[in-house]
Each structure stands twice: as structure tokens, then as C-alpha cells.
Amino acid sequence: MRKFVCAAVVTAFAVSVAMSGEYAGRITKIDGDKVTFVKKGKKGEKGEEMTLTLAKDAKIVKGKFDKETKKLVAGDAIEGGKATLSTQVKDSGEKGVAALIVTDDADKNITEIRVGGGKKKKKDAN
């Protein structure tokens, strides 16, 4: 029984470490070094709201969609960094700015924000 419990704890820990690190969602508020975002939820449902600390050396980049991996990868750095992102978040209102948030191993500090990932508007056929 002891071996089973130890194995279950190790497995749960390994799964939680593997799952942490990247969060897709919408940044709704930036207050100093605190970033509040809503994680992407299931279709039609609102995800969980989280607030994490932005690391001093965090990268803020424009995201590019990679068709092969089907993920948002880092692109060019955004001029103005946090100040520009903060302005975009304020201008977006309650909707927020679509982003992929990358955290450190401890899942406490944001090390990179990849802005983008929103759906493109379709052009009129006219």
C-alpha cells in the first residue's frame, strides 16, 4: 500500500509539472508587475482567472502561429514592451488581449508573453 501511495504522489507531481508552463488566454489587467488573465476555457465557458508576477527580465513579443506545430511561437519583440502591452490591455476593455503566457518552473513568475492568437476578421467578398 505504501508503494502505491508513493507512486500516486510522484505521478501526480510529474503530471502537474508537465502541464504547467504555458497558458493560453486573455490578459485583462496589468497593475505594476502583476498580470491578471483569464485562461482559455472550454468552448462556450469562461476559464479560470489567474494573477501572476511579471519577471523583471520577461520578454514581451508578438506571437506567430506555426502551422507545423499548431502553436503560437515567439516572434519579434514588441517596441515599448510592458508599457505598450499595458496600453493595449486598457484599450481592449473587458475583452482583454489574446496571449500565450509562459511561466518559470515554479509557475509563479511570467517569463514571456506572446501577444496574438486572436481570430482574423474575414474580408468581405464584395
N, C-alpha and C. Protein backbone atom coordinates (compact mmCIF):
# COMPACT_ATOMS: atom_id res chain seq x y z
N MET A 1 0.83 -1.19 0.00
CA MET A 1 0.00 0.00 0.00
C MET A 1 0.87 1.26 0.00
N ARG A 2 1.96 1.21 0.74
CA ARG A 2 2.85 2.37 0.83
C ARG A 2 3.44 2.69 -0.55
N LYS A 3 3.85 1.66 -1.29
CA LYS A 3 4.42 1.86 -2.61
C LYS A 3 3.39 2.49 -3.55
N PHE A 4 2.16 2.03 -3.45
CA PHE A 4 1.10 2.56 -4.30
C PHE A 4 0.88 4.05 -4.03
N VAL A 5 0.83 4.44 -2.77
CA VAL A 5 0.60 5.84 -2.41
C VAL A 5 1.77 6.70 -2.90
N CYS A 6 3.00 6.23 -2.69
CA CYS A 6 4.18 6.97 -3.16
C CYS A 6 4.17 7.13 -4.68
N ALA A 7 3.83 6.05 -5.38
CA ALA A 7 3.76 6.10 -6.84
C ALA A 7 2.69 7.08 -7.31
N ALA A 8 1.56 7.11 -6.63
CA ALA A 8 0.48 8.02 -7.00
C ALA A 8 0.90 9.48 -6.78
N VAL A 9 1.60 9.76 -5.69
CA VAL A 9 2.06 11.12 -5.41
C VAL A 9 3.08 11.56 -6.45
N VAL A 10 4.02 10.71 -6.77
CA VAL A 10 5.04 11.03 -7.77
C VAL A 10 4.39 11.25 -9.14
N THR A 11 3.45 10.42 -9.51
CA THR A 11 2.76 10.57 -10.78
C THR A 11 1.99 11.89 -10.84
N ALA A 12 1.27 12.23 -9.77
CA ALA A 12 0.52 13.48 -9.73
C ALA A 12 1.45 14.68 -9.83
N PHE A 13 2.59 14.61 -9.15
CA PHE A 13 3.56 15.69 -9.22
C PHE A 13 4.12 15.83 -10.63
N ALA A 14 4.47 14.72 -11.26
CA ALA A 14 5.03 14.75 -12.61
C ALA A 14 4.04 15.32 -13.61
N VAL A 15 2.78 14.96 -13.49
CA VAL A 15 1.75 15.47 -14.39
C VAL A 15 1.56 16.97 -14.18
N SER A 16 1.55 17.44 -12.94
CA SER A 16 1.35 18.86 -12.68
C SER A 16 2.52 19.68 -13.20
N VAL A 17 3.75 19.17 -13.10
CA VAL A 17 4.92 19.87 -13.63
C VAL A 17 4.85 19.92 -15.15
N ALA A 18 4.48 18.83 -15.76
CA ALA A 18 4.41 18.78 -17.22
C ALA A 18 3.33 19.71 -17.76
N MET A 19 2.25 19.89 -17.04
CA MET A 19 1.14 20.71 -17.51
C MET A 19 1.37 22.20 -17.27
N SER A 20 2.19 22.55 -16.30
CA SER A 20 2.41 23.95 -16.02
C SER A 20 3.39 24.51 -17.04
N GLY A 21 3.42 25.81 -17.15
CA GLY A 21 4.38 26.42 -18.04
C GLY A 21 3.79 27.35 -19.07
N GLU A 22 2.71 26.96 -19.73
CA GLU A 22 2.11 27.82 -20.75
C GLU A 22 0.60 27.89 -20.56
N TYR A 23 0.09 29.11 -20.63
CA TYR A 23 -1.34 29.33 -20.50
C TYR A 23 -1.83 30.18 -21.66
N ALA A 24 -2.80 29.69 -22.39
CA ALA A 24 -3.44 30.47 -23.44
C ALA A 24 -4.62 31.18 -22.79
N GLY A 25 -4.80 32.44 -23.13
CA GLY A 25 -5.92 33.18 -22.55
C GLY A 25 -5.92 34.63 -22.98
N ARG A 26 -6.59 35.44 -22.17
CA ARG A 26 -6.72 36.86 -22.46
C ARG A 26 -6.27 37.66 -21.25
N ILE A 27 -5.32 38.57 -21.48
CA ILE A 27 -4.83 39.44 -20.41
C ILE A 27 -5.87 40.54 -20.22
N THR A 28 -6.37 40.67 -18.99
CA THR A 28 -7.42 41.64 -18.71
C THR A 28 -6.95 42.83 -17.89
N LYS A 29 -5.79 42.69 -17.21
CA LYS A 29 -5.34 43.78 -16.35
C LYS A 29 -3.84 43.65 -16.09
N ILE A 30 -3.14 44.80 -16.13
CA ILE A 30 -1.74 44.86 -15.73
C ILE A 30 -1.62 45.96 -14.69
N ASP A 31 -1.19 45.58 -13.49
CA ASP A 31 -1.07 46.54 -12.39
C ASP A 31 0.34 46.40 -11.82
N GLY A 32 1.25 47.29 -12.24
CA GLY A 32 2.64 47.19 -11.82
C GLY A 32 3.26 45.95 -12.44
N ASP A 33 3.73 45.04 -11.57
CA ASP A 33 4.31 43.80 -12.08
C ASP A 33 3.34 42.62 -11.98
N LYS A 34 2.08 42.89 -11.66
CA LYS A 34 1.05 41.85 -11.57
C LYS A 34 0.23 41.82 -12.86
N VAL A 35 0.11 40.63 -13.44
CA VAL A 35 -0.64 40.46 -14.69
C VAL A 35 -1.82 39.54 -14.39
N THR A 36 -3.03 40.02 -14.66
CA THR A 36 -4.24 39.23 -14.46
C THR A 36 -4.74 38.78 -15.82
N PHE A 37 -5.02 37.49 -15.93
CA PHE A 37 -5.51 36.96 -17.19
C PHE A 37 -6.54 35.87 -16.93
N VAL A 38 -7.37 35.62 -17.94
CA VAL A 38 -8.37 34.57 -17.89
C VAL A 38 -7.91 33.46 -18.81
N LYS A 39 -7.69 32.28 -18.23
CA LYS A 39 -7.25 31.15 -19.03
C LYS A 39 -8.34 30.75 -20.01
N LYS A 40 -7.91 30.23 -21.14
CA LYS A 40 -8.85 29.77 -22.15
C LYS A 40 -9.65 28.60 -21.58
N GLY A 41 -10.95 28.70 -21.62
CA GLY A 41 -11.81 27.65 -21.10
C GLY A 41 -12.36 26.78 -22.22
N LYS A 42 -13.20 25.85 -21.84
CA LYS A 42 -13.86 25.01 -22.84
C LYS A 42 -14.80 25.88 -23.66
N LYS A 43 -15.12 25.41 -24.82
CA LYS A 43 -15.96 26.19 -25.74
C LYS A 43 -17.25 26.63 -25.05
N GLY A 44 -17.49 27.94 -25.09
CA GLY A 44 -18.70 28.49 -24.51
C GLY A 44 -18.61 28.79 -23.02
N GLU A 45 -17.49 28.43 -22.39
CA GLU A 45 -17.32 28.66 -20.96
C GLU A 45 -16.16 29.60 -20.71
N LYS A 46 -16.26 30.38 -19.64
CA LYS A 46 -15.18 31.27 -19.24
C LYS A 46 -14.18 30.47 -18.42
N GLY A 47 -12.90 30.69 -18.68
CA GLY A 47 -11.84 29.97 -17.98
C GLY A 47 -11.56 30.59 -16.62
N GLU A 48 -10.62 29.99 -15.92
CA GLU A 48 -10.21 30.43 -14.59
C GLU A 48 -9.39 31.72 -14.69
N GLU A 49 -9.62 32.65 -13.75
CA GLU A 49 -8.85 33.89 -13.71
C GLU A 49 -7.63 33.69 -12.81
N MET A 50 -6.46 34.13 -13.29
CA MET A 50 -5.22 34.00 -12.54
C MET A 50 -4.47 35.32 -12.52
N THR A 51 -3.71 35.55 -11.45
CA THR A 51 -2.83 36.70 -11.36
C THR A 51 -1.44 36.20 -11.02
N LEU A 52 -0.47 36.52 -11.88
CA LEU A 52 0.91 36.11 -11.67
C LEU A 52 1.81 37.33 -11.76
N THR A 53 3.03 37.19 -11.24
CA THR A 53 4.01 38.27 -11.25
C THR A 53 4.83 38.22 -12.53
N LEU A 54 5.03 39.39 -13.12
CA LEU A 54 5.84 39.51 -14.33
C LEU A 54 7.31 39.63 -13.91
N ALA A 55 8.16 38.72 -14.36
CA ALA A 55 9.59 38.76 -14.03
C ALA A 55 10.22 40.03 -14.61
N LYS A 56 11.27 40.52 -13.94
CA LYS A 56 11.93 41.76 -14.39
C LYS A 56 12.53 41.62 -15.78
N ASP A 57 12.99 40.41 -16.12
CA ASP A 57 13.61 40.20 -17.42
C ASP A 57 12.67 39.50 -18.41
N ALA A 58 11.37 39.63 -18.19
CA ALA A 58 10.38 38.97 -19.05
C ALA A 58 10.40 39.55 -20.46
N LYS A 59 10.19 38.68 -21.44
CA LYS A 59 10.14 39.09 -22.83
C LYS A 59 8.67 39.29 -23.21
N ILE A 60 8.40 40.36 -23.93
CA ILE A 60 7.06 40.60 -24.45
C ILE A 60 7.21 40.67 -25.96
N VAL A 61 6.67 39.66 -26.63
CA VAL A 61 6.87 39.51 -28.07
C VAL A 61 5.55 39.34 -28.80
N LYS A 62 5.61 39.59 -30.09
CA LYS A 62 4.46 39.34 -30.96
C LYS A 62 4.49 37.87 -31.32
N GLY A 63 3.39 37.18 -31.15
CA GLY A 63 3.33 35.76 -31.45
C GLY A 63 3.07 35.50 -32.92
N LYS A 64 3.64 34.40 -33.41
CA LYS A 64 3.40 33.96 -34.78
C LYS A 64 2.88 32.52 -34.71
N PHE A 65 1.86 32.22 -35.49
CA PHE A 65 1.30 30.88 -35.49
C PHE A 65 2.14 29.98 -36.38
N ASP A 66 2.64 28.89 -35.81
CA ASP A 66 3.42 27.91 -36.55
C ASP A 66 2.47 26.81 -37.02
N LYS A 67 2.31 26.68 -38.34
CA LYS A 67 1.36 25.71 -38.88
C LYS A 67 1.77 24.27 -38.62
N GLU A 68 3.08 23.99 -38.55
CA GLU A 68 3.54 22.63 -38.31
C GLU A 68 3.23 22.15 -36.90
N THR A 69 3.57 22.98 -35.90
CA THR A 69 3.33 22.58 -34.50
C THR A 69 1.94 23.00 -34.02
N LYS A 70 1.29 23.86 -34.80
CA LYS A 70 -0.02 24.40 -34.46
C LYS A 70 -0.02 25.09 -33.10
N LYS A 71 1.05 25.86 -32.87
CA LYS A 71 1.20 26.61 -31.63
C LYS A 71 1.65 28.03 -31.95
N LEU A 72 1.45 28.92 -30.98
CA LEU A 72 1.90 30.29 -31.08
C LEU A 72 3.35 30.34 -30.62
N VAL A 73 4.26 30.70 -31.52
CA VAL A 73 5.69 30.76 -31.19
C VAL A 73 6.13 32.21 -31.10
N ALA A 74 7.26 32.44 -30.45
CA ALA A 74 7.77 33.79 -30.27
C ALA A 74 8.19 34.40 -31.59
N GLY A 75 7.83 35.67 -31.74
CA GLY A 75 8.22 36.42 -32.93
C GLY A 75 9.08 37.60 -32.51
N ASP A 76 8.90 38.73 -33.16
CA ASP A 76 9.68 39.93 -32.87
C ASP A 76 9.23 40.56 -31.55
N ALA A 77 10.18 41.20 -30.87
CA ALA A 77 9.88 41.91 -29.62
C ALA A 77 8.96 43.08 -29.91
N ILE A 78 8.06 43.36 -28.98
CA ILE A 78 7.15 44.49 -29.13
C ILE A 78 7.85 45.73 -28.61
N GLU A 79 7.88 46.80 -29.45
CA GLU A 79 8.50 48.05 -29.03
C GLU A 79 7.75 48.62 -27.84
N GLY A 80 8.47 49.03 -26.84
CA GLY A 80 7.84 49.59 -25.65
C GLY A 80 7.54 48.53 -24.61
N GLY A 81 7.58 47.27 -24.98
CA GLY A 81 7.41 46.16 -24.04
C GLY A 81 6.15 46.25 -23.19
N LYS A 82 6.35 46.27 -21.88
CA LYS A 82 5.23 46.24 -20.93
C LYS A 82 4.33 47.46 -21.07
N ALA A 83 4.90 48.63 -21.34
CA ALA A 83 4.09 49.84 -21.47
C ALA A 83 3.13 49.74 -22.65
N THR A 84 3.62 49.23 -23.78
CA THR A 84 2.78 49.06 -24.96
C THR A 84 1.69 48.03 -24.69
N LEU A 85 2.06 46.92 -24.06
CA LEU A 85 1.08 45.88 -23.74
C LEU A 85 0.02 46.42 -22.79
N SER A 86 0.45 47.19 -21.79
CA SER A 86 -0.49 47.77 -20.83
C SER A 86 -1.51 48.67 -21.52
N THR A 87 -1.05 49.45 -22.50
CA THR A 87 -1.94 50.33 -23.26
C THR A 87 -2.93 49.51 -24.08
N GLN A 88 -2.45 48.43 -24.71
CA GLN A 88 -3.33 47.56 -25.48
C GLN A 88 -4.41 46.95 -24.59
N VAL A 89 -4.03 46.54 -23.40
CA VAL A 89 -4.99 45.92 -22.47
C VAL A 89 -6.03 46.94 -22.06
N LYS A 90 -5.63 48.16 -21.75
CA LYS A 90 -6.58 49.21 -21.35
C LYS A 90 -7.54 49.53 -22.49
N ASP A 91 -7.02 49.58 -23.72
CA ASP A 91 -7.84 49.90 -24.88
C ASP A 91 -8.83 48.78 -25.22
N SER A 92 -8.51 47.55 -24.85
CA SER A 92 -9.37 46.41 -25.19
C SER A 92 -10.59 46.29 -24.29
N GLY A 93 -10.57 46.98 -23.16
CA GLY A 93 -11.71 46.92 -22.23
C GLY A 93 -11.79 45.59 -21.52
N GLU A 94 -13.01 45.10 -21.29
CA GLU A 94 -13.21 43.85 -20.56
C GLU A 94 -12.78 42.63 -21.37
N LYS A 95 -12.78 42.76 -22.69
CA LYS A 95 -12.44 41.63 -23.55
C LYS A 95 -11.01 41.14 -23.31
N GLY A 96 -10.07 42.05 -23.17
CA GLY A 96 -8.68 41.68 -22.93
C GLY A 96 -7.92 41.44 -24.22
N VAL A 97 -6.63 41.16 -24.07
CA VAL A 97 -5.73 40.93 -25.21
C VAL A 97 -5.36 39.45 -25.23
N ALA A 98 -5.54 38.81 -26.39
CA ALA A 98 -5.20 37.39 -26.53
C ALA A 98 -3.70 37.21 -26.43
N ALA A 99 -3.27 36.23 -25.63
CA ALA A 99 -1.85 36.00 -25.44
C ALA A 99 -1.58 34.58 -24.96
N LEU A 100 -0.33 34.18 -25.09
CA LEU A 100 0.16 32.93 -24.53
C LEU A 100 1.15 33.34 -23.45
N ILE A 101 0.88 32.95 -22.21
CA ILE A 101 1.70 33.33 -21.07
C ILE A 101 2.60 32.15 -20.72
N VAL A 102 3.92 32.38 -20.71
CA VAL A 102 4.90 31.35 -20.38
C VAL A 102 5.46 31.65 -19.00
N THR A 103 5.44 30.64 -18.11
CA THR A 103 5.91 30.83 -16.74
C THR A 103 7.18 30.04 -16.48
N ASP A 104 7.82 30.34 -15.34
CA ASP A 104 9.01 29.60 -14.94
C ASP A 104 8.63 28.24 -14.38
N ASP A 105 9.62 27.47 -13.97
CA ASP A 105 9.38 26.12 -13.47
C ASP A 105 8.48 26.09 -12.24
N ALA A 106 8.60 27.10 -11.39
CA ALA A 106 7.80 27.13 -10.17
C ALA A 106 6.38 27.61 -10.46
N ASP A 107 6.13 28.07 -11.69
CA ASP A 107 4.80 28.52 -12.09
C ASP A 107 4.34 29.74 -11.29
N LYS A 108 5.29 30.59 -10.91
CA LYS A 108 4.95 31.77 -10.12
C LYS A 108 5.26 33.07 -10.84
N ASN A 109 6.24 33.05 -11.74
CA ASN A 109 6.63 34.25 -12.45
C ASN A 109 6.46 34.07 -13.95
N ILE A 110 6.00 35.13 -14.60
CA ILE A 110 5.83 35.11 -16.05
C ILE A 110 7.17 35.47 -16.67
N THR A 111 7.69 34.60 -17.53
CA THR A 111 8.98 34.85 -18.18
C THR A 111 8.82 35.36 -19.61
N GLU A 112 7.66 35.10 -20.23
CA GLU A 112 7.43 35.55 -21.59
C GLU A 112 5.94 35.68 -21.85
N ILE A 113 5.59 36.73 -22.61
CA ILE A 113 4.20 36.91 -23.06
C ILE A 113 4.24 37.02 -24.57
N ARG A 114 3.51 36.13 -25.24
CA ARG A 114 3.40 36.15 -26.70
C ARG A 114 2.03 36.69 -27.05
N VAL A 115 2.00 37.92 -27.53
CA VAL A 115 0.73 38.59 -27.83
C VAL A 115 0.26 38.16 -29.21
N GLY A 116 -1.00 37.84 -29.31
CA GLY A 116 -1.59 37.42 -30.58
C GLY A 116 -2.48 36.24 -30.36
N GLY A 117 -2.81 35.59 -31.42
CA GLY A 117 -3.63 34.39 -31.32
C GLY A 117 -5.11 34.64 -31.48
N GLY A 118 -5.50 35.90 -31.68
CA GLY A 118 -6.91 36.19 -31.91
C GLY A 118 -7.30 35.78 -33.32
N LYS A 119 -8.56 35.54 -33.53
CA LYS A 119 -9.02 35.15 -34.88
C LYS A 119 -8.99 36.37 -35.79
N LYS A 120 -8.56 36.14 -37.03
CA LYS A 120 -8.54 37.22 -38.01
C LYS A 120 -9.95 37.44 -38.54
N LYS A 121 -10.25 38.70 -38.79
CA LYS A 121 -11.56 39.01 -39.35
C LYS A 121 -11.57 38.66 -40.83
N LYS A 122 -12.68 38.09 -41.28
CA LYS A 122 -12.81 37.73 -42.69
C LYS A 122 -13.09 38.99 -43.49
N LYS A 123 -12.47 39.07 -44.65
CA LYS A 123 -12.72 40.20 -45.54
C LYS A 123 -14.01 39.99 -46.30
N ASP A 124 -14.70 41.08 -46.57
CA ASP A 124 -15.94 40.99 -47.35
C ASP A 124 -15.63 40.54 -48.77
N ALA A 125 -16.50 39.76 -49.34
CA ALA A 125 -16.32 39.26 -50.71
C ALA A 125 -16.66 40.33 -51.74
N ASN A 126 -17.23 41.44 -51.31
CA ASN A 126 -17.64 42.48 -52.25
C ASN A 126 -16.48 43.19 -52.82
